[in-house]
Amino acid sequence: MISSSMFIVILLCAFVTWLPRIIPFIIVKRTPLPQSVMKFLAYIPICILSALIFESIFVQGATFTTIRLNNLCVLLPTVIIAIWTKSLSITVIAGVAIMAFVRAV
């Protein structure tokens, strides 16, 4: 069982983690941003997703870079499903299911 002081620490840590994530939304909601900033911010999700994908596929070794074939085999059908359905939730569920299948096999 968790002591009351440990529970308070967990709640405070959750609050401190949540606060910097929600403050920008509050600020942007009340303050209009210039069009150039909005255009720049539109590219951020693509950049983050690309960085996560490339990081999971390529492994940097001491002398050369290798490719994780399991992850590449999962990426290709997942991208096709994403283009075909244009649904984030279906894409994520399919990607997780395909990865589970590839790891099981």
N, C-alpha and C. Protein backbone atom coordinates (compact mmCIF):
# COMPACT_ATOMS: atom_id res chain seq x y z
N MET A 1 0.84 -1.18 0.00
CA MET A 1 0.00 0.00 0.00
C MET A 1 0.89 1.25 0.00
N ILE A 2 0.44 2.28 -0.67
CA ILE A 2 1.20 3.52 -0.77
C ILE A 2 0.91 4.40 0.43
N SER A 3 1.96 4.97 0.99
CA SER A 3 1.75 5.88 2.12
C SER A 3 1.19 7.20 1.59
N SER A 4 0.62 7.99 2.48
CA SER A 4 0.01 9.25 2.06
C SER A 4 1.05 10.23 1.52
N SER A 5 2.23 10.24 2.10
CA SER A 5 3.27 11.15 1.60
C SER A 5 3.73 10.74 0.19
N MET A 6 3.81 9.45 -0.07
CA MET A 6 4.19 8.98 -1.40
C MET A 6 3.10 9.33 -2.41
N PHE A 7 1.85 9.22 -2.01
CA PHE A 7 0.73 9.57 -2.89
C PHE A 7 0.76 11.06 -3.23
N ILE A 8 1.07 11.91 -2.26
CA ILE A 8 1.18 13.36 -2.51
C ILE A 8 2.33 13.65 -3.46
N VAL A 9 3.45 12.96 -3.29
CA VAL A 9 4.59 13.15 -4.18
C VAL A 9 4.22 12.76 -5.62
N ILE A 10 3.51 11.65 -5.78
CA ILE A 10 3.08 11.21 -7.11
C ILE A 10 2.15 12.23 -7.74
N LEU A 11 1.20 12.76 -6.96
CA LEU A 11 0.29 13.78 -7.47
C LEU A 11 1.02 15.05 -7.87
N LEU A 12 1.97 15.48 -7.05
CA LEU A 12 2.74 16.69 -7.39
C LEU A 12 3.61 16.47 -8.63
N CYS A 13 4.20 15.30 -8.77
CA CYS A 13 4.98 15.00 -9.97
C CYS A 13 4.09 14.99 -11.20
N ALA A 14 2.89 14.44 -11.08
CA ALA A 14 1.95 14.45 -12.20
C ALA A 14 1.58 15.88 -12.57
N PHE A 15 1.34 16.71 -11.58
CA PHE A 15 0.98 18.11 -11.83
C PHE A 15 2.13 18.86 -12.50
N VAL A 16 3.34 18.66 -12.02
CA VAL A 16 4.51 19.34 -12.60
C VAL A 16 4.75 18.86 -14.03
N THR A 17 4.46 17.61 -14.31
CA THR A 17 4.60 17.10 -15.67
C THR A 17 3.50 17.64 -16.57
N TRP A 18 2.30 17.75 -16.05
CA TRP A 18 1.14 18.19 -16.82
C TRP A 18 1.18 19.69 -17.10
N LEU A 19 1.66 20.47 -16.16
CA LEU A 19 1.63 21.93 -16.26
C LEU A 19 2.36 22.48 -17.49
N PRO A 20 3.60 22.12 -17.77
CA PRO A 20 4.25 22.70 -18.95
C PRO A 20 3.64 22.22 -20.27
N ARG A 21 2.88 21.16 -20.23
CA ARG A 21 2.23 20.70 -21.46
C ARG A 21 0.94 21.45 -21.73
N ILE A 22 0.29 21.95 -20.70
CA ILE A 22 -1.00 22.61 -20.89
C ILE A 22 -0.87 24.13 -21.00
N ILE A 23 0.16 24.71 -20.41
CA ILE A 23 0.33 26.18 -20.45
C ILE A 23 0.41 26.72 -21.88
N PRO A 24 1.17 26.10 -22.79
CA PRO A 24 1.19 26.63 -24.15
C PRO A 24 -0.19 26.66 -24.81
N PHE A 25 -1.02 25.66 -24.54
CA PHE A 25 -2.36 25.66 -25.11
C PHE A 25 -3.20 26.80 -24.56
N ILE A 26 -3.04 27.09 -23.29
CA ILE A 26 -3.79 28.20 -22.69
C ILE A 26 -3.34 29.53 -23.28
N ILE A 27 -2.03 29.69 -23.45
CA ILE A 27 -1.50 30.95 -23.99
C ILE A 27 -1.94 31.13 -25.44
N VAL A 28 -1.83 30.08 -26.24
CA VAL A 28 -2.16 30.17 -27.66
C VAL A 28 -3.66 30.38 -27.86
N LYS A 29 -4.46 29.85 -26.97
CA LYS A 29 -5.91 30.00 -27.09
C LYS A 29 -6.33 31.46 -26.98
N ARG A 30 -5.64 32.22 -26.16
CA ARG A 30 -6.03 33.62 -25.93
C ARG A 30 -5.24 34.62 -26.75
N THR A 31 -4.12 34.19 -27.31
CA THR A 31 -3.27 35.09 -28.07
C THR A 31 -3.15 34.58 -29.50
N PRO A 32 -3.55 35.38 -30.49
CA PRO A 32 -3.39 34.92 -31.86
C PRO A 32 -1.91 34.93 -32.28
N LEU A 33 -1.52 33.91 -32.99
CA LEU A 33 -0.14 33.80 -33.45
C LEU A 33 -0.04 34.29 -34.90
N PRO A 34 1.11 34.85 -35.27
CA PRO A 34 1.29 35.26 -36.66
C PRO A 34 1.21 34.07 -37.61
N GLN A 35 0.85 34.34 -38.84
CA GLN A 35 0.71 33.28 -39.84
C GLN A 35 2.01 32.52 -40.06
N SER A 36 3.15 33.22 -39.99
CA SER A 36 4.44 32.55 -40.19
C SER A 36 4.72 31.53 -39.08
N VAL A 37 4.33 31.85 -37.85
CA VAL A 37 4.51 30.93 -36.74
C VAL A 37 3.59 29.72 -36.90
N MET A 38 2.36 29.96 -37.32
CA MET A 38 1.41 28.86 -37.52
C MET A 38 1.90 27.92 -38.63
N LYS A 39 2.47 28.50 -39.68
CA LYS A 39 3.01 27.69 -40.77
C LYS A 39 4.17 26.83 -40.28
N PHE A 40 5.04 27.43 -39.46
CA PHE A 40 6.17 26.68 -38.89
C PHE A 40 5.67 25.56 -37.98
N LEU A 41 4.71 25.84 -37.13
CA LEU A 41 4.20 24.84 -36.19
C LEU A 41 3.50 23.68 -36.90
N ALA A 42 3.02 23.91 -38.10
CA ALA A 42 2.34 22.85 -38.84
C ALA A 42 3.31 21.72 -39.20
N TYR A 43 4.61 22.01 -39.30
CA TYR A 43 5.59 21.00 -39.68
C TYR A 43 6.11 20.19 -38.48
N ILE A 44 5.87 20.62 -37.29
CA ILE A 44 6.44 19.96 -36.11
C ILE A 44 5.96 18.51 -35.95
N PRO A 45 4.66 18.20 -36.07
CA PRO A 45 4.26 16.79 -35.93
C PRO A 45 4.93 15.89 -36.96
N ILE A 46 5.09 16.36 -38.19
CA ILE A 46 5.73 15.55 -39.22
C ILE A 46 7.19 15.30 -38.85
N CYS A 47 7.87 16.32 -38.36
CA CYS A 47 9.28 16.17 -37.98
C CYS A 47 9.45 15.20 -36.83
N ILE A 48 8.60 15.31 -35.83
CA ILE A 48 8.69 14.43 -34.67
C ILE A 48 8.41 12.99 -35.07
N LEU A 49 7.36 12.79 -35.85
CA LEU A 49 7.02 11.44 -36.29
C LEU A 49 8.13 10.84 -37.14
N SER A 50 8.70 11.63 -38.05
CA SER A 50 9.80 11.15 -38.88
C SER A 50 11.01 10.78 -38.03
N ALA A 51 11.32 11.60 -37.05
CA ALA A 51 12.47 11.30 -36.18
C ALA A 51 12.24 10.00 -35.41
N LEU A 52 11.03 9.78 -34.92
CA LEU A 52 10.74 8.54 -34.20
C LEU A 52 10.82 7.33 -35.11
N ILE A 53 10.32 7.47 -36.32
CA ILE A 53 10.34 6.35 -37.26
C ILE A 53 11.77 6.00 -37.65
N PHE A 54 12.55 7.01 -38.04
CA PHE A 54 13.92 6.74 -38.48
C PHE A 54 14.77 6.21 -37.32
N GLU A 55 14.51 6.68 -36.12
CA GLU A 55 15.27 6.21 -34.96
C GLU A 55 14.97 4.74 -34.68
N SER A 56 13.75 4.31 -34.96
CA SER A 56 13.42 2.91 -34.68
C SER A 56 13.86 1.97 -35.79
N ILE A 57 14.12 2.49 -36.98
CA ILE A 57 14.53 1.63 -38.09
C ILE A 57 16.04 1.52 -38.20
N PHE A 58 16.74 2.63 -38.08
CA PHE A 58 18.19 2.63 -38.26
C PHE A 58 18.91 2.56 -36.92
N VAL A 59 19.94 1.72 -36.86
CA VAL A 59 20.76 1.57 -35.67
C VAL A 59 22.17 2.01 -36.02
N GLN A 60 22.66 3.01 -35.33
CA GLN A 60 24.01 3.52 -35.59
C GLN A 60 25.02 2.69 -34.83
N GLY A 61 25.89 2.03 -35.57
CA GLY A 61 26.97 1.25 -34.97
C GLY A 61 28.23 2.08 -34.90
N ALA A 62 29.31 1.45 -34.47
CA ALA A 62 30.59 2.16 -34.36
C ALA A 62 31.14 2.52 -35.73
N THR A 63 30.96 1.63 -36.70
CA THR A 63 31.54 1.90 -38.02
C THR A 63 30.50 2.02 -39.13
N PHE A 64 29.28 1.51 -38.91
CA PHE A 64 28.28 1.57 -39.97
C PHE A 64 26.87 1.58 -39.37
N THR A 65 25.91 1.87 -40.20
CA THR A 65 24.51 1.90 -39.79
C THR A 65 23.81 0.65 -40.30
N THR A 66 23.03 0.02 -39.43
CA THR A 66 22.27 -1.16 -39.83
C THR A 66 20.79 -0.84 -39.80
N ILE A 67 20.02 -1.70 -40.43
CA ILE A 67 18.57 -1.52 -40.50
C ILE A 67 17.91 -2.65 -39.72
N ARG A 68 16.96 -2.29 -38.89
CA ARG A 68 16.17 -3.31 -38.19
C ARG A 68 15.08 -3.79 -39.14
N LEU A 69 15.24 -4.99 -39.64
CA LEU A 69 14.31 -5.50 -40.65
C LEU A 69 12.91 -5.71 -40.11
N ASN A 70 12.80 -6.12 -38.84
CA ASN A 70 11.47 -6.31 -38.25
C ASN A 70 10.68 -4.99 -38.28
N ASN A 71 11.32 -3.92 -37.85
CA ASN A 71 10.64 -2.63 -37.83
C ASN A 71 10.32 -2.14 -39.24
N LEU A 72 11.21 -2.39 -40.18
CA LEU A 72 10.96 -1.99 -41.56
C LEU A 72 9.80 -2.78 -42.15
N CYS A 73 9.71 -4.07 -41.81
CA CYS A 73 8.59 -4.90 -42.29
C CYS A 73 7.26 -4.44 -41.71
N VAL A 74 7.29 -3.85 -40.55
CA VAL A 74 6.07 -3.32 -39.94
C VAL A 74 5.74 -1.94 -40.50
N LEU A 75 6.77 -1.15 -40.78
CA LEU A 75 6.56 0.22 -41.27
C LEU A 75 5.83 0.25 -42.61
N LEU A 76 6.23 -0.58 -43.53
CA LEU A 76 5.67 -0.52 -44.87
C LEU A 76 4.16 -0.77 -44.90
N PRO A 77 3.63 -1.87 -44.31
CA PRO A 77 2.17 -2.03 -44.33
C PRO A 77 1.45 -0.97 -43.49
N THR A 78 2.09 -0.49 -42.45
CA THR A 78 1.46 0.54 -41.63
C THR A 78 1.31 1.85 -42.41
N VAL A 79 2.32 2.20 -43.18
CA VAL A 79 2.23 3.41 -44.02
C VAL A 79 1.14 3.24 -45.07
N ILE A 80 1.04 2.06 -45.66
CA ILE A 80 -0.01 1.81 -46.65
C ILE A 80 -1.39 1.94 -46.01
N ILE A 81 -1.55 1.40 -44.82
CA ILE A 81 -2.83 1.50 -44.10
C ILE A 81 -3.13 2.96 -43.78
N ALA A 82 -2.10 3.72 -43.38
CA ALA A 82 -2.30 5.14 -43.05
C ALA A 82 -2.77 5.92 -44.28
N ILE A 83 -2.14 5.65 -45.42
CA ILE A 83 -2.53 6.36 -46.65
C ILE A 83 -3.93 5.93 -47.09
N TRP A 84 -4.23 4.65 -46.94
CA TRP A 84 -5.51 4.12 -47.40
C TRP A 84 -6.66 4.59 -46.52
N THR A 85 -6.51 4.54 -45.19
CA THR A 85 -7.62 4.88 -44.29
C THR A 85 -7.65 6.34 -43.87
N LYS A 86 -6.48 6.99 -43.84
CA LYS A 86 -6.36 8.37 -43.35
C LYS A 86 -6.94 8.53 -41.94
N SER A 87 -6.78 7.48 -41.13
CA SER A 87 -7.27 7.48 -39.76
C SER A 87 -6.12 7.15 -38.82
N LEU A 88 -5.85 8.05 -37.89
CA LEU A 88 -4.75 7.84 -36.95
C LEU A 88 -5.00 6.63 -36.06
N SER A 89 -6.21 6.49 -35.55
CA SER A 89 -6.47 5.38 -34.63
C SER A 89 -6.38 4.03 -35.33
N ILE A 90 -6.90 3.92 -36.54
CA ILE A 90 -6.80 2.66 -37.27
C ILE A 90 -5.34 2.36 -37.60
N THR A 91 -4.59 3.39 -37.97
CA THR A 91 -3.17 3.21 -38.28
C THR A 91 -2.39 2.72 -37.07
N VAL A 92 -2.63 3.32 -35.92
CA VAL A 92 -1.92 2.91 -34.70
C VAL A 92 -2.28 1.49 -34.31
N ILE A 93 -3.57 1.18 -34.34
CA ILE A 93 -4.01 -0.18 -33.98
C ILE A 93 -3.43 -1.20 -34.95
N ALA A 94 -3.45 -0.89 -36.23
CA ALA A 94 -2.89 -1.81 -37.23
C ALA A 94 -1.38 -1.97 -37.02
N GLY A 95 -0.68 -0.87 -36.78
CA GLY A 95 0.76 -0.94 -36.55
C GLY A 95 1.12 -1.79 -35.35
N VAL A 96 0.38 -1.62 -34.28
CA VAL A 96 0.63 -2.42 -33.07
C VAL A 96 0.32 -3.89 -33.34
N ALA A 97 -0.78 -4.15 -34.04
CA ALA A 97 -1.13 -5.54 -34.34
C ALA A 97 -0.10 -6.19 -35.27
N ILE A 98 0.35 -5.45 -36.27
CA ILE A 98 1.36 -5.99 -37.18
C ILE A 98 2.67 -6.25 -36.44
N MET A 99 3.07 -5.34 -35.57
CA MET A 99 4.30 -5.53 -34.79
C MET A 99 4.16 -6.75 -33.88
N ALA A 100 3.00 -6.92 -33.26
CA ALA A 100 2.79 -8.09 -32.39
C ALA A 100 2.89 -9.37 -33.21
N PHE A 101 2.33 -9.36 -34.41
CA PHE A 101 2.40 -10.53 -35.29
C PHE A 101 3.85 -10.83 -35.70
N VAL A 102 4.58 -9.79 -36.08
CA VAL A 102 5.96 -9.98 -36.52
C VAL A 102 6.82 -10.49 -35.35
N ARG A 103 6.62 -9.97 -34.17
CA ARG A 103 7.40 -10.44 -33.01
C ARG A 103 7.02 -11.86 -32.61
N ALA A 104 5.74 -12.23 -32.82
CA ALA A 104 5.31 -13.58 -32.48
C ALA A 104 5.87 -14.60 -33.46
N VAL A 105 6.02 -14.17 -34.70
CA VAL A 105 6.53 -15.08 -35.74
C VAL A 105 8.02 -15.00 -35.73
